[in-house]
């Protein structure tokens, strides 16, 4: 008799999120982030990441989901806007949680949303010259 198993394990972010290279970014530059899960996931809605700018406590930006449903890696992007250059040139901070949308595996298990952010101390946003 065949044994039937049910997938009850939720997918989870695996390892550290991959982020942009450490360097200076000007207005219009696109910052890309890749969140890899322990198995392929499917996305509905609009998941997003939260980016904080240094020296501006209220400066929170949304990093939008752009693709990857059906694979193990979801891709998010943020285009640097005018006014993003902080008064102090320090690195950005990425919050440790995916917000919004629905992320599930093939069995319908909801994915974990906590992840390890990439090192971002060397990513600096500067005003366009």
Foldseek 3Di string as FASTA:
>chain_A
DDDDDADQDWKEFDAEKDWDDQDEDEAFDKIKIKTFIPWAKAWDWKKWWWKAQPQDVPDIDTFTWDDRHRGRMTMTMDGHHPPSQHPDWWWMDIDQFIDDTFMGDPSRHTYGTGHHYDDTRRYGYDYDD
